[in-house]
Amino acid sequence: MIKRTLLVMLLAALAGLAQTVDCLVAVVNGKVITLIDVEIAAEFGLGREAGVEAGRDPRLAALDALIERKVVLDLARESRSADRNEIAAALAELRRRLGEDVFTAKLGKFGLAETDLEPYLEDRILFDRALALRFSQTIPVSLTEVERHYRDSYVPEQIRLGKAAEPLERVADLIESRLREERRMKQTADWVRDLRNRADIQIKKDCLK
């Protein structure tokens, strides 16, 4: 245990030698996003839950996520702070997901204490809460849409996989739930995109080179 701890500390110290030189990456409605913010969000996976598409710089994905949070939280002023227990739970989950050694090494890379991650986690919690409040109403899905998806998507997919298709009545609820979630995600993405289009955003990508 002692050897492992010393190894983690050594790796963190070596990584810390290559400290990121900070600069201004973006300004969103007068609020700044620095290179350190972007690097930390990318390193700890604090951007989108869906992850990063293959071949894309994870820092660009992290920057997109940070911009979206700022434009949404600028509007959602009713959710200005998260419960301390929520933040602690999010921090514990992040530590669990990364693993103790990796988590400690990443903190060392930036010279951070774990409490320094709390503002990033709080913003993500508030962002998710704002979206949940905005799209809390049940999104209607008609029986016709369920039947169409069953006929045009579900059955062909089962055939492609070499499986027998379940009767419609057995999978109707699952299909309805899937269609509702897809629609909710599209509405959310459209709304956030509209907020971004109307926001005052200045991006300085030279800072990311």
N, C-alpha and C. Protein backbone atom coordinates (compact mmCIF):
# COMPACT_ATOMS: atom_id res chain seq x y z
N MET A 1 0.83 -1.21 0.00
CA MET A 1 0.00 0.00 0.00
C MET A 1 0.87 1.26 0.00
N ILE A 2 1.94 1.24 0.84
CA ILE A 2 2.83 2.40 0.93
C ILE A 2 3.56 2.60 -0.39
N LYS A 3 4.04 1.48 -1.00
CA LYS A 3 4.74 1.58 -2.28
C LYS A 3 3.84 2.17 -3.35
N ARG A 4 2.58 1.72 -3.36
CA ARG A 4 1.65 2.21 -4.38
C ARG A 4 1.39 3.69 -4.20
N THR A 5 1.22 4.12 -2.95
CA THR A 5 0.98 5.53 -2.67
C THR A 5 2.17 6.39 -3.10
N LEU A 6 3.39 5.90 -2.81
CA LEU A 6 4.59 6.64 -3.22
C LEU A 6 4.69 6.74 -4.73
N LEU A 7 4.31 5.64 -5.43
CA LEU A 7 4.36 5.64 -6.89
C LEU A 7 3.38 6.66 -7.45
N VAL A 8 2.18 6.71 -6.88
CA VAL A 8 1.18 7.67 -7.34
C VAL A 8 1.68 9.09 -7.13
N MET A 9 2.28 9.34 -5.97
CA MET A 9 2.79 10.68 -5.68
C MET A 9 3.91 11.06 -6.65
N LEU A 10 4.76 10.09 -6.98
CA LEU A 10 5.86 10.35 -7.91
C LEU A 10 5.33 10.68 -9.30
N LEU A 11 4.37 9.88 -9.76
CA LEU A 11 3.78 10.13 -11.08
C LEU A 11 3.11 11.49 -11.13
N ALA A 12 2.42 11.83 -10.05
CA ALA A 12 1.75 13.13 -9.99
C ALA A 12 2.76 14.26 -10.03
N ALA A 13 3.86 14.08 -9.30
CA ALA A 13 4.88 15.14 -9.27
C ALA A 13 5.52 15.33 -10.63
N LEU A 14 5.81 14.21 -11.32
CA LEU A 14 6.42 14.31 -12.65
C LEU A 14 5.47 14.97 -13.63
N ALA A 15 4.20 14.59 -13.54
CA ALA A 15 3.22 15.21 -14.44
C ALA A 15 3.08 16.68 -14.14
N GLY A 16 3.22 17.04 -12.88
CA GLY A 16 3.07 18.43 -12.49
C GLY A 16 4.17 19.32 -13.03
N LEU A 17 5.28 18.72 -13.49
CA LEU A 17 6.36 19.53 -14.05
C LEU A 17 5.94 20.21 -15.34
N ALA A 18 4.97 19.57 -16.02
CA ALA A 18 4.49 20.14 -17.29
C ALA A 18 3.20 20.91 -17.05
N GLN A 19 3.25 21.89 -16.16
CA GLN A 19 2.07 22.67 -15.84
C GLN A 19 1.57 23.43 -17.06
N THR A 20 0.25 23.46 -17.21
CA THR A 20 -0.36 24.17 -18.32
C THR A 20 -0.21 25.68 -18.12
N VAL A 21 0.25 26.37 -19.15
CA VAL A 21 0.31 27.83 -19.12
C VAL A 21 -1.09 28.34 -19.41
N ASP A 22 -1.67 29.09 -18.47
CA ASP A 22 -3.07 29.48 -18.60
C ASP A 22 -3.25 30.62 -19.60
N CYS A 23 -4.38 30.61 -20.27
CA CYS A 23 -4.76 31.70 -21.16
C CYS A 23 -6.27 31.68 -21.32
N LEU A 24 -6.80 32.70 -21.95
CA LEU A 24 -8.25 32.86 -22.09
C LEU A 24 -8.73 32.13 -23.34
N VAL A 25 -9.60 31.12 -23.15
CA VAL A 25 -10.11 30.34 -24.28
C VAL A 25 -11.42 30.91 -24.81
N ALA A 26 -12.29 31.35 -23.90
CA ALA A 26 -13.60 31.87 -24.33
C ALA A 26 -14.15 32.84 -23.30
N VAL A 27 -15.02 33.72 -23.80
CA VAL A 27 -15.79 34.63 -22.94
C VAL A 27 -17.25 34.43 -23.32
N VAL A 28 -18.07 34.07 -22.34
CA VAL A 28 -19.48 33.76 -22.58
C VAL A 28 -20.34 34.71 -21.77
N ASN A 29 -21.00 35.64 -22.46
CA ASN A 29 -21.81 36.65 -21.77
C ASN A 29 -21.02 37.33 -20.65
N GLY A 30 -19.76 37.62 -20.94
CA GLY A 30 -18.92 38.32 -19.98
C GLY A 30 -18.22 37.43 -18.97
N LYS A 31 -18.50 36.13 -18.99
CA LYS A 31 -17.87 35.19 -18.06
C LYS A 31 -16.77 34.43 -18.79
N VAL A 32 -15.62 34.30 -18.14
CA VAL A 32 -14.46 33.74 -18.82
C VAL A 32 -14.35 32.22 -18.62
N ILE A 33 -13.78 31.58 -19.63
CA ILE A 33 -13.38 30.17 -19.55
C ILE A 33 -11.89 30.14 -19.89
N THR A 34 -11.09 29.66 -18.96
CA THR A 34 -9.64 29.64 -19.17
C THR A 34 -9.18 28.28 -19.69
N LEU A 35 -7.94 28.25 -20.14
CA LEU A 35 -7.38 26.99 -20.62
C LEU A 35 -7.32 25.97 -19.49
N ILE A 36 -7.02 26.43 -18.29
CA ILE A 36 -7.00 25.52 -17.14
C ILE A 36 -8.37 24.89 -16.94
N ASP A 37 -9.44 25.69 -17.05
CA ASP A 37 -10.80 25.15 -16.93
C ASP A 37 -11.03 24.03 -17.94
N VAL A 38 -10.64 24.29 -19.18
CA VAL A 38 -10.84 23.33 -20.26
C VAL A 38 -10.02 22.06 -20.02
N GLU A 39 -8.75 22.25 -19.64
CA GLU A 39 -7.86 21.10 -19.41
C GLU A 39 -8.38 20.22 -18.28
N ILE A 40 -8.85 20.85 -17.20
CA ILE A 40 -9.36 20.09 -16.06
C ILE A 40 -10.62 19.33 -16.45
N ALA A 41 -11.54 20.01 -17.14
CA ALA A 41 -12.79 19.36 -17.57
C ALA A 41 -12.50 18.18 -18.48
N ALA A 42 -11.54 18.33 -19.39
CA ALA A 42 -11.19 17.24 -20.30
C ALA A 42 -10.50 16.10 -19.56
N GLU A 43 -9.57 16.44 -18.68
CA GLU A 43 -8.77 15.43 -17.97
C GLU A 43 -9.63 14.56 -17.06
N PHE A 44 -10.59 15.19 -16.37
CA PHE A 44 -11.42 14.46 -15.41
C PHE A 44 -12.74 13.98 -16.01
N GLY A 45 -12.93 14.20 -17.30
CA GLY A 45 -14.17 13.75 -17.94
C GLY A 45 -15.39 14.47 -17.43
N LEU A 46 -15.27 15.80 -17.23
CA LEU A 46 -16.37 16.59 -16.68
C LEU A 46 -17.19 17.28 -17.76
N GLY A 47 -17.00 16.85 -19.01
CA GLY A 47 -17.79 17.41 -20.10
C GLY A 47 -19.10 16.67 -20.24
N ARG A 48 -19.44 16.31 -21.45
CA ARG A 48 -20.69 15.59 -21.69
C ARG A 48 -20.56 14.14 -21.24
N GLU A 49 -21.71 13.62 -20.72
CA GLU A 49 -21.73 12.24 -20.27
C GLU A 49 -21.52 11.27 -21.43
N ALA A 50 -21.95 11.70 -22.64
CA ALA A 50 -21.87 10.80 -23.79
C ALA A 50 -20.44 10.54 -24.24
N GLY A 51 -19.49 11.33 -23.75
CA GLY A 51 -18.10 11.13 -24.13
C GLY A 51 -17.71 11.92 -25.36
N VAL A 52 -16.56 11.57 -25.91
CA VAL A 52 -15.99 12.32 -27.03
C VAL A 52 -15.94 11.43 -28.26
N GLU A 53 -16.37 11.97 -29.39
CA GLU A 53 -16.33 11.19 -30.62
C GLU A 53 -14.89 10.92 -31.03
N ALA A 54 -14.68 9.78 -31.68
CA ALA A 54 -13.33 9.36 -32.07
C ALA A 54 -12.65 10.41 -32.94
N GLY A 55 -11.38 10.67 -32.63
CA GLY A 55 -10.60 11.59 -33.43
C GLY A 55 -10.74 13.05 -33.06
N ARG A 56 -11.65 13.38 -32.15
CA ARG A 56 -11.85 14.78 -31.79
C ARG A 56 -11.03 15.13 -30.55
N ASP A 57 -10.44 16.32 -30.55
CA ASP A 57 -9.69 16.79 -29.39
C ASP A 57 -10.64 16.86 -28.20
N PRO A 58 -10.38 16.10 -27.12
CA PRO A 58 -11.27 16.12 -25.96
C PRO A 58 -11.40 17.50 -25.33
N ARG A 59 -10.42 18.37 -25.56
CA ARG A 59 -10.50 19.72 -25.01
C ARG A 59 -11.59 20.53 -25.71
N LEU A 60 -11.79 20.28 -27.01
CA LEU A 60 -12.85 20.99 -27.73
C LEU A 60 -14.22 20.55 -27.23
N ALA A 61 -14.36 19.25 -26.97
CA ALA A 61 -15.62 18.74 -26.42
C ALA A 61 -15.86 19.32 -25.03
N ALA A 62 -14.80 19.41 -24.23
CA ALA A 62 -14.92 20.00 -22.89
C ALA A 62 -15.29 21.47 -22.98
N LEU A 63 -14.69 22.19 -23.92
CA LEU A 63 -15.01 23.61 -24.11
C LEU A 63 -16.47 23.78 -24.48
N ASP A 64 -16.97 22.95 -25.40
CA ASP A 64 -18.38 23.02 -25.78
C ASP A 64 -19.28 22.84 -24.57
N ALA A 65 -18.95 21.84 -23.74
CA ALA A 65 -19.75 21.57 -22.55
C ALA A 65 -19.73 22.75 -21.58
N LEU A 66 -18.57 23.35 -21.37
CA LEU A 66 -18.46 24.49 -20.46
C LEU A 66 -19.23 25.70 -20.98
N ILE A 67 -19.19 25.92 -22.29
CA ILE A 67 -19.95 27.03 -22.89
C ILE A 67 -21.44 26.80 -22.70
N GLU A 68 -21.90 25.58 -22.97
CA GLU A 68 -23.32 25.27 -22.83
C GLU A 68 -23.78 25.48 -21.39
N ARG A 69 -22.97 25.08 -20.44
CA ARG A 69 -23.35 25.26 -19.04
C ARG A 69 -23.49 26.74 -18.69
N LYS A 70 -22.58 27.54 -19.20
CA LYS A 70 -22.64 28.97 -18.87
C LYS A 70 -23.88 29.63 -19.47
N VAL A 71 -24.24 29.31 -20.71
CA VAL A 71 -25.40 29.96 -21.32
C VAL A 71 -26.69 29.49 -20.66
N VAL A 72 -26.75 28.22 -20.25
CA VAL A 72 -27.95 27.71 -19.59
C VAL A 72 -28.06 28.27 -18.17
N LEU A 73 -26.96 28.25 -17.42
CA LEU A 73 -27.00 28.73 -16.04
C LEU A 73 -27.18 30.24 -15.98
N ASP A 74 -26.80 30.95 -17.03
CA ASP A 74 -27.07 32.38 -17.11
C ASP A 74 -28.57 32.64 -17.12
N LEU A 75 -29.31 31.72 -17.72
CA LEU A 75 -30.76 31.87 -17.83
C LEU A 75 -31.47 31.29 -16.61
N ALA A 76 -30.98 30.17 -16.11
CA ALA A 76 -31.65 29.46 -15.02
C ALA A 76 -31.18 29.98 -13.67
N ARG A 77 -31.57 31.19 -13.35
CA ARG A 77 -31.10 31.82 -12.12
C ARG A 77 -31.79 31.27 -10.87
N GLU A 78 -32.84 30.45 -11.08
CA GLU A 78 -33.52 29.87 -9.93
C GLU A 78 -32.70 28.74 -9.31
N SER A 79 -31.68 28.25 -10.04
CA SER A 79 -30.85 27.15 -9.54
C SER A 79 -29.42 27.64 -9.40
N ARG A 80 -29.17 28.39 -8.34
CA ARG A 80 -27.86 29.02 -8.23
C ARG A 80 -26.86 28.26 -7.36
N SER A 81 -27.34 27.27 -6.62
CA SER A 81 -26.38 26.52 -5.80
C SER A 81 -26.88 25.09 -5.62
N ALA A 82 -25.93 24.18 -5.53
CA ALA A 82 -26.26 22.77 -5.32
C ALA A 82 -26.05 22.42 -3.85
N ASP A 83 -26.77 21.43 -3.40
CA ASP A 83 -26.64 20.95 -2.03
C ASP A 83 -25.24 20.35 -1.83
N ARG A 84 -24.67 20.60 -0.66
CA ARG A 84 -23.32 20.10 -0.39
C ARG A 84 -23.24 18.58 -0.51
N ASN A 85 -24.32 17.90 -0.13
CA ASN A 85 -24.33 16.45 -0.23
C ASN A 85 -24.31 15.98 -1.68
N GLU A 86 -24.99 16.74 -2.56
CA GLU A 86 -24.97 16.41 -3.99
C GLU A 86 -23.56 16.52 -4.55
N ILE A 87 -22.88 17.60 -4.17
CA ILE A 87 -21.52 17.81 -4.67
C ILE A 87 -20.59 16.73 -4.14
N ALA A 88 -20.73 16.41 -2.85
CA ALA A 88 -19.88 15.37 -2.25
C ALA A 88 -20.12 14.02 -2.93
N ALA A 89 -21.38 13.73 -3.24
CA ALA A 89 -21.71 12.47 -3.91
C ALA A 89 -21.12 12.43 -5.32
N ALA A 90 -21.18 13.57 -6.02
CA ALA A 90 -20.62 13.64 -7.37
C ALA A 90 -19.10 13.47 -7.33
N LEU A 91 -18.46 14.05 -6.33
CA LEU A 91 -17.01 13.93 -6.18
C LEU A 91 -16.62 12.49 -5.87
N ALA A 92 -17.40 11.85 -5.00
CA ALA A 92 -17.13 10.45 -4.66
C ALA A 92 -17.31 9.54 -5.87
N GLU A 93 -18.33 9.83 -6.68
CA GLU A 93 -18.57 9.03 -7.88
C GLU A 93 -17.44 9.22 -8.90
N LEU A 94 -16.94 10.45 -9.02
CA LEU A 94 -15.82 10.71 -9.93
C LEU A 94 -14.58 9.94 -9.48
N ARG A 95 -14.32 9.96 -8.19
CA ARG A 95 -13.17 9.23 -7.63
C ARG A 95 -13.32 7.73 -7.89
N ARG A 96 -14.53 7.21 -7.70
CA ARG A 96 -14.79 5.79 -7.91
C ARG A 96 -14.61 5.42 -9.38
N ARG A 97 -15.13 6.27 -10.27
CA ARG A 97 -15.08 5.98 -11.71
C ARG A 97 -13.64 5.97 -12.24
N LEU A 98 -12.84 6.92 -11.78
CA LEU A 98 -11.45 7.00 -12.25
C LEU A 98 -10.54 6.00 -11.55
N GLY A 99 -10.88 5.66 -10.32
CA GLY A 99 -9.99 4.84 -9.51
C GLY A 99 -9.10 5.73 -8.66
N GLU A 100 -8.79 5.28 -7.46
CA GLU A 100 -8.06 6.11 -6.50
C GLU A 100 -6.71 6.58 -7.04
N ASP A 101 -5.95 5.67 -7.64
CA ASP A 101 -4.60 6.04 -8.11
C ASP A 101 -4.66 7.06 -9.24
N VAL A 102 -5.53 6.81 -10.21
CA VAL A 102 -5.65 7.73 -11.35
C VAL A 102 -6.17 9.08 -10.89
N PHE A 103 -7.16 9.06 -10.01
CA PHE A 103 -7.73 10.30 -9.49
C PHE A 103 -6.65 11.14 -8.80
N THR A 104 -5.86 10.50 -7.96
CA THR A 104 -4.80 11.20 -7.24
C THR A 104 -3.74 11.75 -8.20
N ALA A 105 -3.39 10.95 -9.21
CA ALA A 105 -2.39 11.39 -10.19
C ALA A 105 -2.88 12.60 -10.99
N LYS A 106 -4.15 12.59 -11.35
CA LYS A 106 -4.72 13.71 -12.12
C LYS A 106 -4.75 14.98 -11.28
N LEU A 107 -5.08 14.84 -10.00
CA LEU A 107 -5.03 16.01 -9.12
C LEU A 107 -3.61 16.58 -9.08
N GLY A 108 -2.63 15.68 -8.95
CA GLY A 108 -1.24 16.11 -8.89
C GLY A 108 -0.78 16.78 -10.17
N LYS A 109 -1.30 16.33 -11.30
CA LYS A 109 -0.91 16.91 -12.58
C LYS A 109 -1.19 18.40 -12.64
N PHE A 110 -2.30 18.80 -12.01
CA PHE A 110 -2.68 20.22 -12.03
C PHE A 110 -2.40 20.92 -10.71
N GLY A 111 -1.84 20.19 -9.74
CA GLY A 111 -1.59 20.79 -8.44
C GLY A 111 -2.88 21.14 -7.71
N LEU A 112 -3.89 20.27 -7.83
CA LEU A 112 -5.20 20.55 -7.26
C LEU A 112 -5.44 19.77 -5.98
N ALA A 113 -6.27 20.33 -5.11
CA ALA A 113 -6.91 19.57 -4.04
C ALA A 113 -8.25 19.10 -4.59
N GLU A 114 -8.80 18.03 -4.05
CA GLU A 114 -10.06 17.51 -4.60
C GLU A 114 -11.19 18.54 -4.48
N THR A 115 -11.12 19.42 -3.49
CA THR A 115 -12.15 20.45 -3.35
C THR A 115 -12.13 21.44 -4.51
N ASP A 116 -11.00 21.53 -5.22
CA ASP A 116 -10.92 22.44 -6.37
C ASP A 116 -11.81 21.97 -7.51
N LEU A 117 -12.23 20.71 -7.48
CA LEU A 117 -13.12 20.19 -8.52
C LEU A 117 -14.58 20.52 -8.25
N GLU A 118 -14.89 20.94 -7.04
CA GLU A 118 -16.28 21.15 -6.65
C GLU A 118 -17.02 22.17 -7.52
N PRO A 119 -16.41 23.32 -7.88
CA PRO A 119 -17.14 24.26 -8.74
C PRO A 119 -17.53 23.67 -10.09
N TYR A 120 -16.67 22.83 -10.65
CA TYR A 120 -16.98 22.19 -11.94
C TYR A 120 -18.13 21.20 -11.77
N LEU A 121 -18.09 20.44 -10.69
CA LEU A 121 -19.15 19.47 -10.42
C LEU A 121 -20.47 20.16 -10.11
N GLU A 122 -20.39 21.28 -9.37
CA GLU A 122 -21.61 22.01 -9.05
C GLU A 122 -22.26 22.57 -10.31
N ASP A 123 -21.46 23.12 -11.20
CA ASP A 123 -22.02 23.64 -12.46
C ASP A 123 -22.70 22.54 -13.26
N ARG A 124 -22.10 21.35 -13.26
CA ARG A 124 -22.71 20.24 -14.01
C ARG A 124 -24.02 19.82 -13.36
N ILE A 125 -24.07 19.79 -12.04
CA ILE A 125 -25.30 19.44 -11.33
C ILE A 125 -26.39 20.46 -11.64
N LEU A 126 -26.05 21.75 -11.57
CA LEU A 126 -27.03 22.81 -11.82
C LEU A 126 -27.50 22.80 -13.28
N PHE A 127 -26.59 22.51 -14.19
CA PHE A 127 -26.93 22.41 -15.61
C PHE A 127 -27.95 21.29 -15.84
N ASP A 128 -27.66 20.11 -15.29
CA ASP A 128 -28.57 18.98 -15.43
C ASP A 128 -29.93 19.28 -14.80
N ARG A 129 -29.90 19.97 -13.66
CA ARG A 129 -31.15 20.31 -12.97
C ARG A 129 -31.97 21.29 -13.81
N ALA A 130 -31.31 22.27 -14.40
CA ALA A 130 -32.01 23.26 -15.22
C ALA A 130 -32.67 22.60 -16.42
N LEU A 131 -31.98 21.65 -17.04
CA LEU A 131 -32.56 20.94 -18.18
C LEU A 131 -33.74 20.08 -17.74
N ALA A 132 -33.60 19.43 -16.59
CA ALA A 132 -34.68 18.59 -16.08
C ALA A 132 -35.92 19.41 -15.79
N LEU A 133 -35.73 20.61 -15.22
CA LEU A 133 -36.87 21.49 -14.94
C LEU A 133 -37.50 21.99 -16.23
N ARG A 134 -36.68 22.31 -17.19
CA ARG A 134 -37.17 22.86 -18.45
C ARG A 134 -37.98 21.83 -19.23
N PHE A 135 -37.54 20.57 -19.18
CA PHE A 135 -38.19 19.52 -19.96
C PHE A 135 -38.79 18.45 -19.05
N SER A 136 -39.42 18.90 -17.97
CA SER A 136 -39.98 17.98 -16.98
C SER A 136 -41.32 17.39 -17.41
N GLN A 137 -42.04 18.09 -18.29
CA GLN A 137 -43.34 17.60 -18.71
C GLN A 137 -43.17 16.36 -19.60
N THR A 138 -44.14 15.45 -19.48
CA THR A 138 -44.10 14.24 -20.29
C THR A 138 -44.25 14.58 -21.76
N ILE A 139 -43.38 14.05 -22.57
CA ILE A 139 -43.42 14.29 -24.01
C ILE A 139 -44.34 13.26 -24.65
N PRO A 140 -45.38 13.70 -25.34
CA PRO A 140 -46.35 12.75 -25.90
C PRO A 140 -45.77 11.93 -27.05
N VAL A 141 -46.11 10.66 -27.05
CA VAL A 141 -45.76 9.75 -28.14
C VAL A 141 -47.03 8.99 -28.51
N SER A 142 -47.43 9.06 -29.76
CA SER A 142 -48.69 8.44 -30.18
C SER A 142 -48.51 6.95 -30.46
N LEU A 143 -49.63 6.23 -30.42
CA LEU A 143 -49.61 4.80 -30.74
C LEU A 143 -49.15 4.59 -32.18
N THR A 144 -49.54 5.50 -33.06
CA THR A 144 -49.11 5.40 -34.47
C THR A 144 -47.59 5.46 -34.59
N GLU A 145 -46.97 6.33 -33.80
CA GLU A 145 -45.51 6.45 -33.83
C GLU A 145 -44.85 5.18 -33.31
N VAL A 146 -45.44 4.60 -32.26
CA VAL A 146 -44.90 3.36 -31.70
C VAL A 146 -45.00 2.24 -32.73
N GLU A 147 -46.17 2.14 -33.37
CA GLU A 147 -46.37 1.09 -34.38
C GLU A 147 -45.42 1.26 -35.55
N ARG A 148 -45.19 2.52 -35.97
CA ARG A 148 -44.30 2.79 -37.09
C ARG A 148 -42.86 2.40 -36.74
N HIS A 149 -42.45 2.75 -35.52
CA HIS A 149 -41.09 2.40 -35.10
C HIS A 149 -40.93 0.88 -35.02
N TYR A 150 -41.96 0.23 -34.51
CA TYR A 150 -41.93 -1.24 -34.42
C TYR A 150 -41.76 -1.85 -35.80
N ARG A 151 -42.54 -1.36 -36.76
CA ARG A 151 -42.53 -1.92 -38.12
C ARG A 151 -41.26 -1.56 -38.88
N ASP A 152 -40.85 -0.29 -38.80
CA ASP A 152 -39.76 0.20 -39.65
C ASP A 152 -38.37 0.06 -39.03
N SER A 153 -38.30 -0.02 -37.71
CA SER A 153 -36.99 -0.06 -37.06
C SER A 153 -36.76 -1.32 -36.22
N TYR A 154 -37.70 -1.58 -35.31
CA TYR A 154 -37.49 -2.69 -34.37
C TYR A 154 -37.42 -4.04 -35.08
N VAL A 155 -38.43 -4.36 -35.89
CA VAL A 155 -38.47 -5.66 -36.55
C VAL A 155 -37.27 -5.86 -37.49
N PRO A 156 -36.95 -4.89 -38.37
CA PRO A 156 -35.76 -5.06 -39.23
C PRO A 156 -34.47 -5.24 -38.43
N GLU A 157 -34.35 -4.54 -37.30
CA GLU A 157 -33.14 -4.66 -36.49
C GLU A 157 -33.02 -6.06 -35.89
N GLN A 158 -34.15 -6.62 -35.42
CA GLN A 158 -34.12 -7.97 -34.87
C GLN A 158 -33.77 -8.99 -35.94
N ILE A 159 -34.30 -8.80 -37.14
CA ILE A 159 -33.98 -9.70 -38.25
C ILE A 159 -32.49 -9.63 -38.57
N ARG A 160 -31.95 -8.42 -38.58
CA ARG A 160 -30.52 -8.24 -38.87
C ARG A 160 -29.65 -8.95 -37.84
N LEU A 161 -30.13 -8.96 -36.59
CA LEU A 161 -29.38 -9.61 -35.52
C LEU A 161 -29.64 -11.11 -35.44
N GLY A 162 -30.53 -11.61 -36.29
CA GLY A 162 -30.85 -13.03 -36.28
C GLY A 162 -31.72 -13.43 -35.11
N LYS A 163 -32.52 -12.51 -34.60
CA LYS A 163 -33.38 -12.77 -33.45
C LYS A 163 -34.84 -12.70 -33.87
N ALA A 164 -35.68 -13.35 -33.08
CA ALA A 164 -37.12 -13.29 -33.33
C ALA A 164 -37.67 -12.01 -32.71
N ALA A 165 -38.48 -11.30 -33.46
CA ALA A 165 -39.08 -10.06 -32.96
C ALA A 165 -40.19 -10.38 -31.97
N GLU A 166 -40.18 -9.69 -30.83
CA GLU A 166 -41.25 -9.84 -29.85
C GLU A 166 -42.53 -9.22 -30.41
N PRO A 167 -43.69 -9.70 -29.95
CA PRO A 167 -44.95 -9.08 -30.37
C PRO A 167 -44.99 -7.61 -29.94
N LEU A 168 -45.70 -6.80 -30.68
CA LEU A 168 -45.77 -5.37 -30.39
C LEU A 168 -46.20 -5.09 -28.96
N GLU A 169 -47.19 -5.82 -28.48
CA GLU A 169 -47.72 -5.53 -27.14
C GLU A 169 -46.67 -5.74 -26.04
N ARG A 170 -45.66 -6.56 -26.32
CA ARG A 170 -44.63 -6.81 -25.31
C ARG A 170 -43.55 -5.74 -25.29
N VAL A 171 -43.34 -5.08 -26.41
CA VAL A 171 -42.25 -4.10 -26.49
C VAL A 171 -42.76 -2.67 -26.68
N ALA A 172 -44.07 -2.49 -26.69
CA ALA A 172 -44.64 -1.16 -26.94
C ALA A 172 -44.18 -0.14 -25.91
N ASP A 173 -44.18 -0.52 -24.63
CA ASP A 173 -43.77 0.42 -23.58
C ASP A 173 -42.30 0.81 -23.74
N LEU A 174 -41.47 -0.17 -24.07
CA LEU A 174 -40.04 0.09 -24.26
C LEU A 174 -39.81 1.03 -25.44
N ILE A 175 -40.53 0.78 -26.54
CA ILE A 175 -40.39 1.63 -27.72
C ILE A 175 -40.88 3.04 -27.42
N GLU A 176 -42.00 3.15 -26.71
CA GLU A 176 -42.53 4.46 -26.36
C GLU A 176 -41.53 5.24 -25.50
N SER A 177 -40.93 4.56 -24.53
CA SER A 177 -39.94 5.21 -23.67
C SER A 177 -38.73 5.66 -24.47
N ARG A 178 -38.29 4.83 -25.40
CA ARG A 178 -37.13 5.16 -26.23
C ARG A 178 -37.42 6.37 -27.11
N LEU A 179 -38.60 6.39 -27.74
CA LEU A 179 -38.97 7.51 -28.60
C LEU A 179 -39.09 8.80 -27.80
N ARG A 180 -39.64 8.69 -26.59
CA ARG A 180 -39.79 9.87 -25.73
C ARG A 180 -38.42 10.43 -25.35
N GLU A 181 -37.49 9.55 -25.01
CA GLU A 181 -36.15 9.99 -24.63
C GLU A 181 -35.41 10.61 -25.81
N GLU A 182 -35.55 10.02 -26.99
CA GLU A 182 -34.92 10.59 -28.19
C GLU A 182 -35.47 11.98 -28.47
N ARG A 183 -36.78 12.14 -28.31
CA ARG A 183 -37.40 13.44 -28.56
C ARG A 183 -36.96 14.47 -27.52
N ARG A 184 -36.86 14.02 -26.25
CA ARG A 184 -36.42 14.92 -25.19
C ARG A 184 -34.99 15.40 -25.45
N MET A 185 -34.13 14.48 -25.87
CA MET A 185 -32.74 14.84 -26.16
C MET A 185 -32.64 15.82 -27.32
N LYS A 186 -33.48 15.62 -28.33
CA LYS A 186 -33.46 16.53 -29.48
C LYS A 186 -33.96 17.92 -29.07
N GLN A 187 -35.04 17.96 -28.29
CA GLN A 187 -35.56 19.25 -27.84
C GLN A 187 -34.53 19.97 -26.98
N THR A 188 -33.86 19.22 -26.12
CA THR A 188 -32.83 19.80 -25.26
C THR A 188 -31.69 20.37 -26.10
N ALA A 189 -31.21 19.58 -27.06
CA ALA A 189 -30.10 20.03 -27.91
C ALA A 189 -30.50 21.27 -28.72
N ASP A 190 -31.73 21.29 -29.23
CA ASP A 190 -32.20 22.44 -30.02
C ASP A 190 -32.28 23.69 -29.15
N TRP A 191 -32.76 23.52 -27.91
CA TRP A 191 -32.90 24.67 -27.00
C TRP A 191 -31.53 25.24 -26.63
N VAL A 192 -30.60 24.35 -26.28
CA VAL A 192 -29.26 24.80 -25.91
C VAL A 192 -28.57 25.46 -27.11
N ARG A 193 -28.77 24.90 -28.30
CA ARG A 193 -28.19 25.50 -29.50
C ARG A 193 -28.74 26.90 -29.73
N ASP A 194 -30.04 27.07 -29.50
CA ASP A 194 -30.65 28.39 -29.67
C ASP A 194 -30.08 29.38 -28.66
N LEU A 195 -29.88 28.94 -27.42
CA LEU A 195 -29.28 29.81 -26.40
C LEU A 195 -27.87 30.22 -26.81
N ARG A 196 -27.12 29.28 -27.34
CA ARG A 196 -25.76 29.59 -27.79
C ARG A 196 -25.77 30.61 -28.93
N ASN A 197 -26.71 30.45 -29.84
CA ASN A 197 -26.78 31.37 -30.98
C ASN A 197 -27.10 32.79 -30.55
N ARG A 198 -27.85 32.92 -29.44
CA ARG A 198 -28.26 34.25 -28.97
C ARG A 198 -27.30 34.83 -27.94
N ALA A 199 -26.36 34.02 -27.49
CA ALA A 199 -25.41 34.48 -26.46
C ALA A 199 -24.24 35.22 -27.11
N ASP A 200 -23.59 36.03 -26.28
CA ASP A 200 -22.37 36.74 -26.72
C ASP A 200 -21.18 35.85 -26.38
N ILE A 201 -20.70 35.13 -27.38
CA ILE A 201 -19.62 34.15 -27.17
C ILE A 201 -18.41 34.50 -28.03
N GLN A 202 -17.29 34.63 -27.39
CA GLN A 202 -16.02 34.86 -28.11
C GLN A 202 -15.09 33.69 -27.79
N ILE A 203 -14.66 32.99 -28.83
CA ILE A 203 -13.78 31.83 -28.66
C ILE A 203 -12.41 32.13 -29.26
N LYS A 204 -11.38 31.86 -28.49
CA LYS A 204 -10.01 32.10 -28.92
C LYS A 204 -9.29 30.75 -29.02
N LYS A 205 -9.50 30.07 -30.16
CA LYS A 205 -8.98 28.71 -30.31
C LYS A 205 -7.46 28.65 -30.38
N ASP A 206 -6.82 29.79 -30.65
CA ASP A 206 -5.35 29.80 -30.66
C ASP A 206 -4.80 29.37 -29.30
N CYS A 207 -5.59 29.62 -28.27
CA CYS A 207 -5.17 29.26 -26.91
C CYS A 207 -5.07 27.74 -26.74
N LEU A 208 -5.80 26.99 -27.58
CA LEU A 208 -5.81 25.53 -27.46
C LEU A 208 -4.71 24.85 -28.27
N LYS A 209 -3.94 25.62 -29.03
CA LYS A 209 -2.90 25.02 -29.87
C LYS A 209 -1.70 24.57 -29.05
